[in-house]
Amino acid sequence: MNKRPMTADETDLLNLLLSNKKPQYARLETRFSNSVTTLDDGAMGSFLFSSDTNQTRPLKIIPIAEYLFHDKDGIPVLATLYSYSDGQLYELDIWKADFSPLLAYPDKP
């Protein structure tokens, strides 16, 4: 798996998600690396955050934020941000309702 830096669009989406955490996780202090690994999801845009270690973390993975938007073709897209229970970000999952490739990230609010 190839690590790469997050793109500007990915960073904008991440910031949107972090600013709209679910109420029960609003106080969870998150940390993450700018280095990510693209997931093989049919080009919908999901990625894993790189961690300091390659070891398996024995912590619960929780969905701390979700954002629903429509792609340029009108198809609904759900972005879900997952974190370990200690605040280390795990994954940004992007699911497009028809499983087609993502055409555009949401506009900045």
PDB file of N, CA and C in Angstrom:
ATOM      1  N   MET A   1       0.844  -1.182   0.000  1.00  0.00           N
ATOM      2  CA  MET A   1       0.000   0.000   0.000  1.00  0.00           C
ATOM      3  C   MET A   1       0.889   1.245   0.000  1.00  0.00           C
ATOM      4  N   ASN A   2       0.545   2.194  -0.840  1.00  0.00           N
ATOM      5  CA  ASN A   2       1.349   3.398  -0.978  1.00  0.00           C
ATOM      6  C   ASN A   2       0.779   4.529  -0.135  1.00  0.00           C
ATOM      7  N   LYS A   3       1.633   5.084   0.704  1.00  0.00           N
ATOM      8  CA  LYS A   3       1.241   6.254   1.492  1.00  0.00           C
ATOM      9  C   LYS A   3       1.411   7.495   0.639  1.00  0.00           C
ATOM     10  N   ARG A   4       0.537   8.470   0.887  1.00  0.00           N
ATOM     11  CA  ARG A   4       0.605   9.735   0.153  1.00  0.00           C
ATOM     12  C   ARG A   4       0.035  10.821   1.059  1.00  0.00           C
ATOM     13  N   PRO A   5       0.331  12.083   0.760  1.00  0.00           N
ATOM     14  CA  PRO A   5      -0.285  13.171   1.533  1.00  0.00           C
ATOM     15  C   PRO A   5      -1.741  13.349   1.131  1.00  0.00           C
ATOM     16  N   MET A   6      -2.559  13.850   2.042  1.00  0.00           N
ATOM     17  CA  MET A   6      -3.946  14.162   1.718  1.00  0.00           C
ATOM     18  C   MET A   6      -3.987  15.294   0.701  1.00  0.00           C
ATOM     19  N   THR A   7      -4.980  15.247  -0.179  1.00  0.00           N
ATOM     20  CA  THR A   7      -5.186  16.332  -1.129  1.00  0.00           C
ATOM     21  C   THR A   7      -5.903  17.486  -0.415  1.00  0.00           C
ATOM     22  N   ALA A   8      -5.950  18.626  -1.055  1.00  0.00           N
ATOM     23  CA  ALA A   8      -6.655  19.784  -0.484  1.00  0.00           C
ATOM     24  C   ALA A   8      -8.140  19.480  -0.312  1.00  0.00           C
ATOM     25  N   ASP A   9      -8.762  18.799  -1.291  1.00  0.00           N
ATOM     26  CA  ASP A   9     -10.184  18.443  -1.185  1.00  0.00           C
ATOM     27  C   ASP A   9     -10.431  17.482  -0.028  1.00  0.00           C
ATOM     28  N   GLU A  10      -9.542  16.520   0.138  1.00  0.00           N
ATOM     29  CA  GLU A  10      -9.679  15.566   1.255  1.00  0.00           C
ATOM     30  C   GLU A  10      -9.536  16.285   2.586  1.00  0.00           C
ATOM     31  N   THR A  11      -8.598  17.215   2.661  1.00  0.00           N
ATOM     32  CA  THR A  11      -8.399  17.979   3.889  1.00  0.00           C
ATOM     33  C   THR A  11      -9.631  18.825   4.203  1.00  0.00           C
ATOM     34  N   ASP A  12     -10.218  19.445   3.187  1.00  0.00           N
ATOM     35  CA  ASP A  12     -11.427  20.241   3.393  1.00  0.00           C
ATOM     36  C   ASP A  12     -12.575  19.369   3.910  1.00  0.00           C
ATOM     37  N   LEU A  13     -12.747  18.175   3.323  1.00  0.00           N
ATOM     38  CA  LEU A  13     -13.802  17.275   3.775  1.00  0.00           C
ATOM     39  C   LEU A  13     -13.524  16.809   5.201  1.00  0.00           C
ATOM     40  N   LEU A  14     -12.282  16.500   5.503  1.00  0.00           N
ATOM     41  CA  LEU A  14     -11.924  16.093   6.864  1.00  0.00           C
ATOM     42  C   LEU A  14     -12.250  17.204   7.855  1.00  0.00           C
ATOM     43  N   ASN A  15     -11.885  18.432   7.538  1.00  0.00           N
ATOM     44  CA  ASN A  15     -12.178  19.557   8.433  1.00  0.00           C
ATOM     45  C   ASN A  15     -13.676  19.751   8.619  1.00  0.00           C
ATOM     46  N   LEU A  16     -14.447  19.554   7.556  1.00  0.00           N
ATOM     47  CA  LEU A  16     -15.902  19.633   7.650  1.00  0.00           C
ATOM     48  C   LEU A  16     -16.434  18.579   8.615  1.00  0.00           C
ATOM     49  N   LEU A  17     -15.943  17.358   8.478  1.00  0.00           N
ATOM     50  CA  LEU A  17     -16.370  16.286   9.370  1.00  0.00           C
ATOM     51  C   LEU A  17     -15.952  16.556  10.818  1.00  0.00           C
ATOM     52  N   LEU A  18     -14.720  17.003  11.008  1.00  0.00           N
ATOM     53  CA  LEU A  18     -14.242  17.267  12.375  1.00  0.00           C
ATOM     54  C   LEU A  18     -15.014  18.401  13.042  1.00  0.00           C
ATOM     55  N   SER A  19     -15.506  19.340  12.260  1.00  0.00           N
ATOM     56  CA  SER A  19     -16.268  20.451  12.838  1.00  0.00           C
ATOM     57  C   SER A  19     -17.730  20.079  13.082  1.00  0.00           C
ATOM     58  N   ASN A  20     -18.125  18.892  12.635  1.00  0.00           N
ATOM     59  CA  ASN A  20     -19.509  18.435  12.809  1.00  0.00           C
ATOM     60  C   ASN A  20     -19.561  17.043  13.419  1.00  0.00           C
ATOM     61  N   LYS A  21     -18.731  16.819  14.448  1.00  0.00           N
ATOM     62  CA  LYS A  21     -18.740  15.520  15.107  1.00  0.00           C
ATOM     63  C   LYS A  21     -20.089  15.264  15.770  1.00  0.00           C
ATOM     64  N   LYS A  22     -20.429  13.989  15.876  1.00  0.00           N
ATOM     65  CA  LYS A  22     -21.647  13.613  16.589  1.00  0.00           C
ATOM     66  C   LYS A  22     -21.538  14.149  18.016  1.00  0.00           C
ATOM     67  N   PRO A  23     -22.670  14.572  18.622  1.00  0.00           N
ATOM     68  CA  PRO A  23     -22.625  15.203  19.954  1.00  0.00           C
ATOM     69  C   PRO A  23     -21.861  14.396  21.008  1.00  0.00           C
ATOM     70  N   GLN A  24     -22.011  13.087  20.998  1.00  0.00           N
ATOM     71  CA  GLN A  24     -21.339  12.272  22.016  1.00  0.00           C
ATOM     72  C   GLN A  24     -19.823  12.224  21.837  1.00  0.00           C
ATOM     73  N   TYR A  25     -19.320  12.680  20.686  1.00  0.00           N
ATOM     74  CA  TYR A  25     -17.874  12.693  20.436  1.00  0.00           C
ATOM     75  C   TYR A  25     -17.323  14.114  20.291  1.00  0.00           C
ATOM     76  N   ALA A  26     -18.134  15.110  20.574  1.00  0.00           N
ATOM     77  CA  ALA A  26     -17.722  16.503  20.398  1.00  0.00           C
ATOM     78  C   ALA A  26     -16.464  16.842  21.196  1.00  0.00           C
ATOM     79  N   ARG A  27     -16.278  16.221  22.333  1.00  0.00           N
ATOM     80  CA  ARG A  27     -15.115  16.528  23.173  1.00  0.00           C
ATOM     81  C   ARG A  27     -13.929  15.598  22.934  1.00  0.00           C
ATOM     82  N   LEU A  28     -14.102  14.632  22.045  1.00  0.00           N
ATOM     83  CA  LEU A  28     -13.012  13.705  21.743  1.00  0.00           C
ATOM     84  C   LEU A  28     -11.919  14.465  20.992  1.00  0.00           C
ATOM     85  N   GLU A  29     -10.747  14.509  21.571  1.00  0.00           N
ATOM     86  CA  GLU A  29      -9.614  15.170  20.923  1.00  0.00           C
ATOM     87  C   GLU A  29      -9.016  14.216  19.901  1.00  0.00           C
ATOM     88  N   THR A  30      -9.043  14.630  18.651  1.00  0.00           N
ATOM     89  CA  THR A  30      -8.552  13.762  17.589  1.00  0.00           C
ATOM     90  C   THR A  30      -7.142  14.143  17.180  1.00  0.00           C
ATOM     91  N   ARG A  31      -6.448  13.161  16.664  1.00  0.00           N
ATOM     92  CA  ARG A  31      -5.118  13.382  16.105  1.00  0.00           C
ATOM     93  C   ARG A  31      -4.990  12.476  14.885  1.00  0.00           C
ATOM     94  N   PHE A  32      -4.165  12.918  13.950  1.00  0.00           N
ATOM     95  CA  PHE A  32      -4.031  12.165  12.710  1.00  0.00           C
ATOM     96  C   PHE A  32      -2.778  12.593  11.987  1.00  0.00           C
ATOM     97  N   SER A  33      -2.389  11.761  11.074  1.00  0.00           N
ATOM     98  CA  SER A  33      -1.263  12.037  10.203  1.00  0.00           C
ATOM     99  C   SER A  33      -1.802  12.568   8.889  1.00  0.00           C
ATOM    100  N   ASN A  34      -1.062  13.436   8.240  1.00  0.00           N
ATOM    101  CA  ASN A  34      -1.436  13.930   6.914  1.00  0.00           C
ATOM    102  C   ASN A  34      -1.162  12.857   5.852  1.00  0.00           C
ATOM    103  N   SER A  35      -0.532  11.779   6.268  1.00  0.00           N
ATOM    104  CA  SER A  35      -0.209  10.692   5.359  1.00  0.00           C
ATOM    105  C   SER A  35      -1.346   9.667   5.374  1.00  0.00           C
ATOM    106  N   VAL A  36      -1.831   9.316   4.181  1.00  0.00           N
ATOM    107  CA  VAL A  36      -2.964   8.398   4.059  1.00  0.00           C
ATOM    108  C   VAL A  36      -2.666   7.322   3.018  1.00  0.00           C
ATOM    109  N   THR A  37      -3.495   6.284   3.035  1.00  0.00           N
ATOM    110  CA  THR A  37      -3.425   5.221   2.045  1.00  0.00           C
ATOM    111  C   THR A  37      -4.795   5.089   1.394  1.00  0.00           C
ATOM    112  N   THR A  38      -4.856   5.225   0.088  1.00  0.00           N
ATOM    113  CA  THR A  38      -6.107   5.107  -0.657  1.00  0.00           C
ATOM    114  C   THR A  38      -6.612   3.671  -0.581  1.00  0.00           C
ATOM    115  N   LEU A  39      -7.911   3.518  -0.347  1.00  0.00           N
ATOM    116  CA  LEU A  39      -8.515   2.194  -0.307  1.00  0.00           C
ATOM    117  C   LEU A  39      -9.064   1.824  -1.685  1.00  0.00           C
ATOM    118  N   ASP A  40      -9.090   0.538  -1.972  1.00  0.00           N
ATOM    119  CA  ASP A  40      -9.614   0.028  -3.229  1.00  0.00           C
ATOM    120  C   ASP A  40     -11.131  -0.065  -3.109  1.00  0.00           C
ATOM    121  N   ASP A  41     -11.806   1.047  -3.390  1.00  0.00           N
ATOM    122  CA  ASP A  41     -13.258   1.119  -3.193  1.00  0.00           C
ATOM    123  C   ASP A  41     -13.984   1.522  -4.473  1.00  0.00           C
ATOM    124  N   GLY A  42     -13.389   1.270  -5.614  1.00  0.00           N
ATOM    125  CA  GLY A  42     -14.012   1.646  -6.875  1.00  0.00           C
ATOM    126  C   GLY A  42     -13.900   3.126  -7.166  1.00  0.00           C
ATOM    127  N   ALA A  43     -12.894   3.785  -6.618  1.00  0.00           N
ATOM    128  CA  ALA A  43     -12.614   5.212  -6.827  1.00  0.00           C
ATOM    129  C   ALA A  43     -13.659   6.125  -6.183  1.00  0.00           C
ATOM    130  N   MET A  44     -14.299   5.632  -5.102  1.00  0.00           N
ATOM    131  CA  MET A  44     -15.235   6.499  -4.382  1.00  0.00           C
ATOM    132  C   MET A  44     -14.493   7.473  -3.469  1.00  0.00           C
ATOM    133  N   GLY A  45     -13.218   7.200  -3.135  1.00  0.00           N
ATOM    134  CA  GLY A  45     -12.412   8.166  -2.406  1.00  0.00           C
ATOM    135  C   GLY A  45     -12.048   7.839  -0.981  1.00  0.00           C
ATOM    136  N   SER A  46     -12.353   6.642  -0.497  1.00  0.00           N
ATOM    137  CA  SER A  46     -12.039   6.281   0.893  1.00  0.00           C
ATOM    138  C   SER A  46     -10.536   6.140   1.102  1.00  0.00           C
ATOM    139  N   PHE A  47     -10.098   6.447   2.333  1.00  0.00           N
ATOM    140  CA  PHE A  47      -8.685   6.271   2.663  1.00  0.00           C
ATOM    141  C   PHE A  47      -8.486   5.989   4.142  1.00  0.00           C
ATOM    142  N   LEU A  48      -7.361   5.343   4.446  1.00  0.00           N
ATOM    143  CA  LEU A  48      -6.930   5.067   5.810  1.00  0.00           C
ATOM    144  C   LEU A  48      -5.905   6.104   6.219  1.00  0.00           C
ATOM    145  N   PHE A  49      -5.955   6.514   7.474  1.00  0.00           N
ATOM    146  CA  PHE A  49      -4.922   7.385   8.013  1.00  0.00           C
ATOM    147  C   PHE A  49      -3.734   6.528   8.408  1.00  0.00           C
ATOM    148  N   SER A  50      -2.539   6.990   8.085  1.00  0.00           N
ATOM    149  CA  SER A  50      -1.339   6.277   8.504  1.00  0.00           C
ATOM    150  C   SER A  50      -1.164   6.461   9.994  1.00  0.00           C
ATOM    151  N   SER A  51      -0.630   5.426  10.619  1.00  0.00           N
ATOM    152  CA  SER A  51      -0.396   5.534  12.054  1.00  0.00           C
ATOM    153  C   SER A  51       1.101   5.481  12.324  1.00  0.00           C
ATOM    154  N   ASP A  52       1.454   5.816  13.546  1.00  0.00           N
ATOM    155  CA  ASP A  52       2.863   5.825  13.941  1.00  0.00           C
ATOM    156  C   ASP A  52       3.431   4.413  13.961  1.00  0.00           C
ATOM    157  N   THR A  53       2.544   3.452  14.073  1.00  0.00           N
ATOM    158  CA  THR A  53       2.970   2.071  14.206  1.00  0.00           C
ATOM    159  C   THR A  53       2.163   1.194  13.262  1.00  0.00           C
ATOM    160  N   ASN A  54       2.716   0.079  12.882  1.00  0.00           N
ATOM    161  CA  ASN A  54       1.994  -0.862  12.039  1.00  0.00           C
ATOM    162  C   ASN A  54       1.270  -1.917  12.873  1.00  0.00           C
ATOM    163  N   GLN A  55       1.347  -1.785  14.174  1.00  0.00           N
ATOM    164  CA  GLN A  55       0.723  -2.759  15.055  1.00  0.00           C
ATOM    165  C   GLN A  55      -0.788  -2.583  15.065  1.00  0.00           C
ATOM    166  N   THR A  56      -1.482  -3.690  15.293  1.00  0.00           N
ATOM    167  CA  THR A  56      -2.927  -3.641  15.444  1.00  0.00           C
ATOM    168  C   THR A  56      -3.244  -2.981  16.771  1.00  0.00           C
ATOM    169  N   ARG A  57      -4.168  -2.034  16.749  1.00  0.00           N
ATOM    170  CA  ARG A  57      -4.538  -1.323  17.968  1.00  0.00           C
ATOM    171  C   ARG A  57      -5.740  -2.031  18.579  1.00  0.00           C
ATOM    172  N   PRO A  58      -5.664  -2.390  19.858  1.00  0.00           N
ATOM    173  CA  PRO A  58      -6.763  -3.118  20.502  1.00  0.00           C
ATOM    174  C   PRO A  58      -7.869  -2.184  21.005  1.00  0.00           C
ATOM    175  N   LEU A  59      -8.172  -1.160  20.249  1.00  0.00           N
ATOM    176  CA  LEU A  59      -9.173  -0.185  20.658  1.00  0.00           C
ATOM    177  C   LEU A  59     -10.399  -0.288  19.762  1.00  0.00           C
ATOM    178  N   LYS A  60     -11.511   0.167  20.290  1.00  0.00           N
ATOM    179  CA  LYS A  60     -12.750   0.191  19.531  1.00  0.00           C
ATOM    180  C   LYS A  60     -12.665   1.260  18.440  1.00  0.00           C
ATOM    181  N   ILE A  61     -13.203   0.949  17.255  1.00  0.00           N
ATOM    182  CA  ILE A  61     -13.285   1.907  16.160  1.00  0.00           C
ATOM    183  C   ILE A  61     -14.715   2.426  16.124  1.00  0.00           C
ATOM    184  N   ILE A  62     -14.847   3.768  16.139  1.00  0.00           N
ATOM    185  CA  ILE A  62     -16.173   4.381  16.236  1.00  0.00           C
ATOM    186  C   ILE A  62     -16.395   5.400  15.112  1.00  0.00           C
ATOM    187  N   PRO A  63     -17.632   5.498  14.608  1.00  0.00           N
ATOM    188  CA  PRO A  63     -17.948   6.524  13.618  1.00  0.00           C
ATOM    189  C   PRO A  63     -18.237   7.838  14.346  1.00  0.00           C
ATOM    190  N   ILE A  64     -17.324   8.806  14.231  1.00  0.00           N
ATOM    191  CA  ILE A  64     -17.473  10.035  15.017  1.00  0.00           C
ATOM    192  C   ILE A  64     -18.166  11.165  14.260  1.00  0.00           C
ATOM    193  N   ALA A  65     -18.267  11.044  12.929  1.00  0.00           N
ATOM    194  CA  ALA A  65     -18.921  12.103  12.145  1.00  0.00           C
ATOM    195  C   ALA A  65     -19.386  11.534  10.810  1.00  0.00           C
ATOM    196  N   GLU A  66     -20.495  12.107  10.320  1.00  0.00           N
ATOM    197  CA  GLU A  66     -21.011  11.742   9.007  1.00  0.00           C
ATOM    198  C   GLU A  66     -21.441  13.011   8.284  1.00  0.00           C
ATOM    199  N   TYR A  67     -21.329  12.967   6.962  1.00  0.00           N
ATOM    200  CA  TYR A  67     -21.770  14.105   6.162  1.00  0.00           C
ATOM    201  C   TYR A  67     -22.366  13.567   4.871  1.00  0.00           C
ATOM    202  N   LEU A  68     -23.595  13.946   4.595  1.00  0.00           N
ATOM    203  CA  LEU A  68     -24.284  13.522   3.388  1.00  0.00           C
ATOM    204  C   LEU A  68     -24.282  14.677   2.385  1.00  0.00           C
ATOM    205  N   PHE A  69     -23.879  14.388   1.153  1.00  0.00           N
ATOM    206  CA  PHE A  69     -23.899  15.397   0.096  1.00  0.00           C
ATOM    207  C   PHE A  69     -24.240  14.717  -1.220  1.00  0.00           C
ATOM    208  N   HIS A  70     -24.446  15.484  -2.244  1.00  0.00           N
ATOM    209  CA  HIS A  70     -24.733  14.948  -3.571  1.00  0.00           C
ATOM    210  C   HIS A  70     -23.550  15.229  -4.485  1.00  0.00           C
ATOM    211  N   ASP A  71     -23.163  14.217  -5.239  1.00  0.00           N
ATOM    212  CA  ASP A  71     -22.078  14.361  -6.197  1.00  0.00           C
ATOM    213  C   ASP A  71     -22.565  15.219  -7.378  1.00  0.00           C
ATOM    214  N   LYS A  72     -21.656  15.591  -8.256  1.00  0.00           N
ATOM    215  CA  LYS A  72     -22.018  16.426  -9.413  1.00  0.00           C
ATOM    216  C   LYS A  72     -23.096  15.791 -10.282  1.00  0.00           C
ATOM    217  N   ASP A  73     -23.191  14.462 -10.256  1.00  0.00           N
ATOM    218  CA  ASP A  73     -24.205  13.771 -11.054  1.00  0.00           C
ATOM    219  C   ASP A  73     -25.515  13.569 -10.297  1.00  0.00           C
ATOM    220  N   GLY A  74     -25.628  14.157  -9.090  1.00  0.00           N
ATOM    221  CA  GLY A  74     -26.853  14.083  -8.309  1.00  0.00           C
ATOM    222  C   GLY A  74     -26.982  12.859  -7.422  1.00  0.00           C
ATOM    223  N   ILE A  75     -26.034  11.944  -7.479  1.00  0.00           N
ATOM    224  CA  ILE A  75     -26.085  10.722  -6.664  1.00  0.00           C
ATOM    225  C   ILE A  75     -25.674  11.053  -5.231  1.00  0.00           C
ATOM    226  N   PRO A  76     -26.448  10.582  -4.230  1.00  0.00           N
ATOM    227  CA  PRO A  76     -26.085  10.823  -2.827  1.00  0.00           C
ATOM    228  C   PRO A  76     -24.763  10.149  -2.450  1.00  0.00           C
ATOM    229  N   VAL A  77     -23.999  10.840  -1.613  1.00  0.00           N
ATOM    230  CA  VAL A  77     -22.714  10.350  -1.124  1.00  0.00           C
ATOM    231  C   VAL A  77     -22.702  10.526   0.392  1.00  0.00           C
ATOM    232  N   LEU A  78     -22.270   9.488   1.098  1.00  0.00           N
ATOM    233  CA  LEU A  78     -22.133   9.564   2.548  1.00  0.00           C
ATOM    234  C   LEU A  78     -20.657   9.441   2.909  1.00  0.00           C
ATOM    235  N   ALA A  79     -20.138  10.445   3.592  1.00  0.00           N
ATOM    236  CA  ALA A  79     -18.765  10.413   4.103  1.00  0.00           C
ATOM    237  C   ALA A  79     -18.838  10.146   5.600  1.00  0.00           C
ATOM    238  N   THR A  80     -18.122   9.140   6.056  1.00  0.00           N
ATOM    239  CA  THR A  80     -18.108   8.777   7.479  1.00  0.00           C
ATOM    240  C   THR A  80     -16.673   8.777   7.968  1.00  0.00           C
ATOM    241  N   LEU A  81     -16.439   9.477   9.073  1.00  0.00           N
ATOM    242  CA  LEU A  81     -15.114   9.550   9.674  1.00  0.00           C
ATOM    243  C   LEU A  81     -15.060   8.607  10.864  1.00  0.00           C
ATOM    244  N   TYR A  82     -14.110   7.688  10.825  1.00  0.00           N
ATOM    245  CA  TYR A  82     -13.936   6.708  11.893  1.00  0.00           C
ATOM    246  C   TYR A  82     -12.673   7.032  12.686  1.00  0.00           C
ATOM    247  N   SER A  83     -12.762   6.791  13.991  1.00  0.00           N
ATOM    248  CA  SER A  83     -11.651   7.048  14.898  1.00  0.00           C
ATOM    249  C   SER A  83     -11.517   5.875  15.857  1.00  0.00           C
ATOM    250  N   TYR A  84     -10.309   5.656  16.338  1.00  0.00           N
ATOM    251  CA  TYR A  84     -10.140   4.766  17.476  1.00  0.00           C
ATOM    252  C   TYR A  84     -10.707   5.492  18.693  1.00  0.00           C
ATOM    253  N   SER A  85     -11.075   4.749  19.701  1.00  0.00           N
ATOM    254  CA  SER A  85     -11.684   5.349  20.888  1.00  0.00           C
ATOM    255  C   SER A  85     -10.756   6.316  21.614  1.00  0.00           C
ATOM    256  N   ASP A  86      -9.454   6.278  21.329  1.00  0.00           N
ATOM    257  CA  ASP A  86      -8.524   7.213  21.959  1.00  0.00           C
ATOM    258  C   ASP A  86      -8.333   8.501  21.151  1.00  0.00           C
ATOM    259  N   GLY A  87      -9.055   8.650  20.032  1.00  0.00           N
ATOM    260  CA  GLY A  87      -8.981   9.875  19.232  1.00  0.00           C
ATOM    261  C   GLY A  87      -8.084   9.804  18.013  1.00  0.00           C
ATOM    262  N   GLN A  88      -7.315   8.740  17.864  1.00  0.00           N
ATOM    263  CA  GLN A  88      -6.474   8.573  16.669  1.00  0.00           C
ATOM    264  C   GLN A  88      -7.394   8.242  15.492  1.00  0.00           C
ATOM    265  N   LEU A  89      -7.389   9.077  14.449  1.00  0.00           N
ATOM    266  CA  LEU A  89      -8.269   8.825  13.320  1.00  0.00           C
ATOM    267  C   LEU A  89      -7.847   7.556  12.593  1.00  0.00           C
ATOM    268  N   TYR A  90      -8.850   6.811  12.149  1.00  0.00           N
ATOM    269  CA  TYR A  90      -8.630   5.521  11.498  1.00  0.00           C
ATOM    270  C   TYR A  90      -8.889   5.587   9.990  1.00  0.00           C
ATOM    271  N   GLU A  91     -10.088   6.036   9.616  1.00  0.00           N
ATOM    272  CA  GLU A  91     -10.474   5.974   8.202  1.00  0.00           C
ATOM    273  C   GLU A  91     -11.499   7.039   7.868  1.00  0.00           C
ATOM    274  N   LEU A  92     -11.429   7.535   6.651  1.00  0.00           N
ATOM    275  CA  LEU A  92     -12.495   8.359   6.102  1.00  0.00           C
ATOM    276  C   LEU A  92     -13.110   7.526   4.987  1.00  0.00           C
ATOM    277  N   ASP A  93     -14.327   7.058   5.236  1.00  0.00           N
ATOM    278  CA  ASP A  93     -15.026   6.188   4.299  1.00  0.00           C
ATOM    279  C   ASP A  93     -15.994   7.017   3.470  1.00  0.00           C
ATOM    280  N   ILE A  94     -15.920   6.857   2.167  1.00  0.00           N
ATOM    281  CA  ILE A  94     -16.831   7.549   1.266  1.00  0.00           C
ATOM    282  C   ILE A  94     -17.611   6.489   0.506  1.00  0.00           C
ATOM    283  N   TRP A  95     -18.942   6.592   0.595  1.00  0.00           N
ATOM    284  CA  TRP A  95     -19.816   5.634  -0.071  1.00  0.00           C
ATOM    285  C   TRP A  95     -20.788   6.386  -0.962  1.00  0.00           C
ATOM    286  N   LYS A  96     -20.709   6.107  -2.242  1.00  0.00           N
ATOM    287  CA  LYS A  96     -21.626   6.703  -3.211  1.00  0.00           C
ATOM    288  C   LYS A  96     -22.724   5.679  -3.475  1.00  0.00           C
ATOM    289  N   ALA A  97     -23.966   6.119  -3.418  1.00  0.00           N
ATOM    290  CA  ALA A  97     -25.117   5.218  -3.423  1.00  0.00           C
ATOM    291  C   ALA A  97     -25.146   4.247  -4.601  1.00  0.00           C
ATOM    292  N   ASP A  98     -24.606   4.643  -5.750  1.00  0.00           N
ATOM    293  CA  ASP A  98     -24.612   3.733  -6.897  1.00  0.00           C
ATOM    294  C   ASP A  98     -23.247   3.067  -7.110  1.00  0.00           C
ATOM    295  N   PHE A  99     -22.333   3.241  -6.164  1.00  0.00           N
ATOM    296  CA  PHE A  99     -20.992   2.637  -6.183  1.00  0.00           C
ATOM    297  C   PHE A  99     -20.115   3.129  -7.332  1.00  0.00           C
ATOM    298  N   SER A 100     -20.496   4.214  -7.978  1.00  0.00           N
ATOM    299  CA  SER A 100     -19.672   4.757  -9.056  1.00  0.00           C
ATOM    300  C   SER A 100     -18.571   5.640  -8.465  1.00  0.00           C
ATOM    301  N   PRO A 101     -17.556   5.961  -9.257  1.00  0.00           N
ATOM    302  CA  PRO A 101     -16.490   6.824  -8.757  1.00  0.00           C
ATOM    303  C   PRO A 101     -16.990   8.215  -8.369  1.00  0.00           C
ATOM    304  N   LEU A 102     -16.384   8.778  -7.328  1.00  0.00           N
ATOM    305  CA  LEU A 102     -16.707  10.130  -6.890  1.00  0.00           C
ATOM    306  C   LEU A 102     -16.225  11.126  -7.943  1.00  0.00           C
ATOM    307  N   LEU A 103     -17.092  12.051  -8.300  1.00  0.00           N
ATOM    308  CA  LEU A 103     -16.742  13.066  -9.307  1.00  0.00           C
ATOM    309  C   LEU A 103     -16.207  14.335  -8.672  1.00  0.00           C
ATOM    310  N   ALA A 104     -16.748  14.695  -7.498  1.00  0.00           N
ATOM    311  CA  ALA A 104     -16.325  15.950  -6.852  1.00  0.00           C
ATOM    312  C   ALA A 104     -16.617  15.889  -5.356  1.00  0.00           C
ATOM    313  N   TYR A 105     -15.735  16.498  -4.602  1.00  0.00           N
ATOM    314  CA  TYR A 105     -15.957  16.655  -3.164  1.00  0.00           C
ATOM    315  C   TYR A 105     -16.969  17.775  -2.937  1.00  0.00           C
ATOM    316  N   PRO A 106     -17.595  17.797  -1.773  1.00  0.00           N
ATOM    317  CA  PRO A 106     -18.567  18.878  -1.524  1.00  0.00           C
ATOM    318  C   PRO A 106     -17.872  20.236  -1.478  1.00  0.00           C
ATOM    319  N   ASP A 107     -18.623  21.279  -1.823  1.00  0.00           N
ATOM    320  CA  ASP A 107     -18.095  22.630  -1.730  1.00  0.00           C
ATOM    321  C   ASP A 107     -17.849  22.973  -0.273  1.00  0.00           C
ATOM    322  N   LYS A 108     -16.894  23.858  -0.049  1.00  0.00           N
ATOM    323  CA  LYS A 108     -16.648  24.316   1.315  1.00  0.00           C
ATOM    324  C   LYS A 108     -17.905  25.043   1.815  1.00  0.00           C
ATOM    325  N   PRO A 109     -18.271  24.792   3.079  1.00  0.00           N
ATOM    326  CA  PRO A 109     -19.464  25.472   3.609  1.00  0.00           C
ATOM    327  C   PRO A 109     -19.224  26.958   3.800  1.00  0.00           C
TER     328      PRO A 109
END
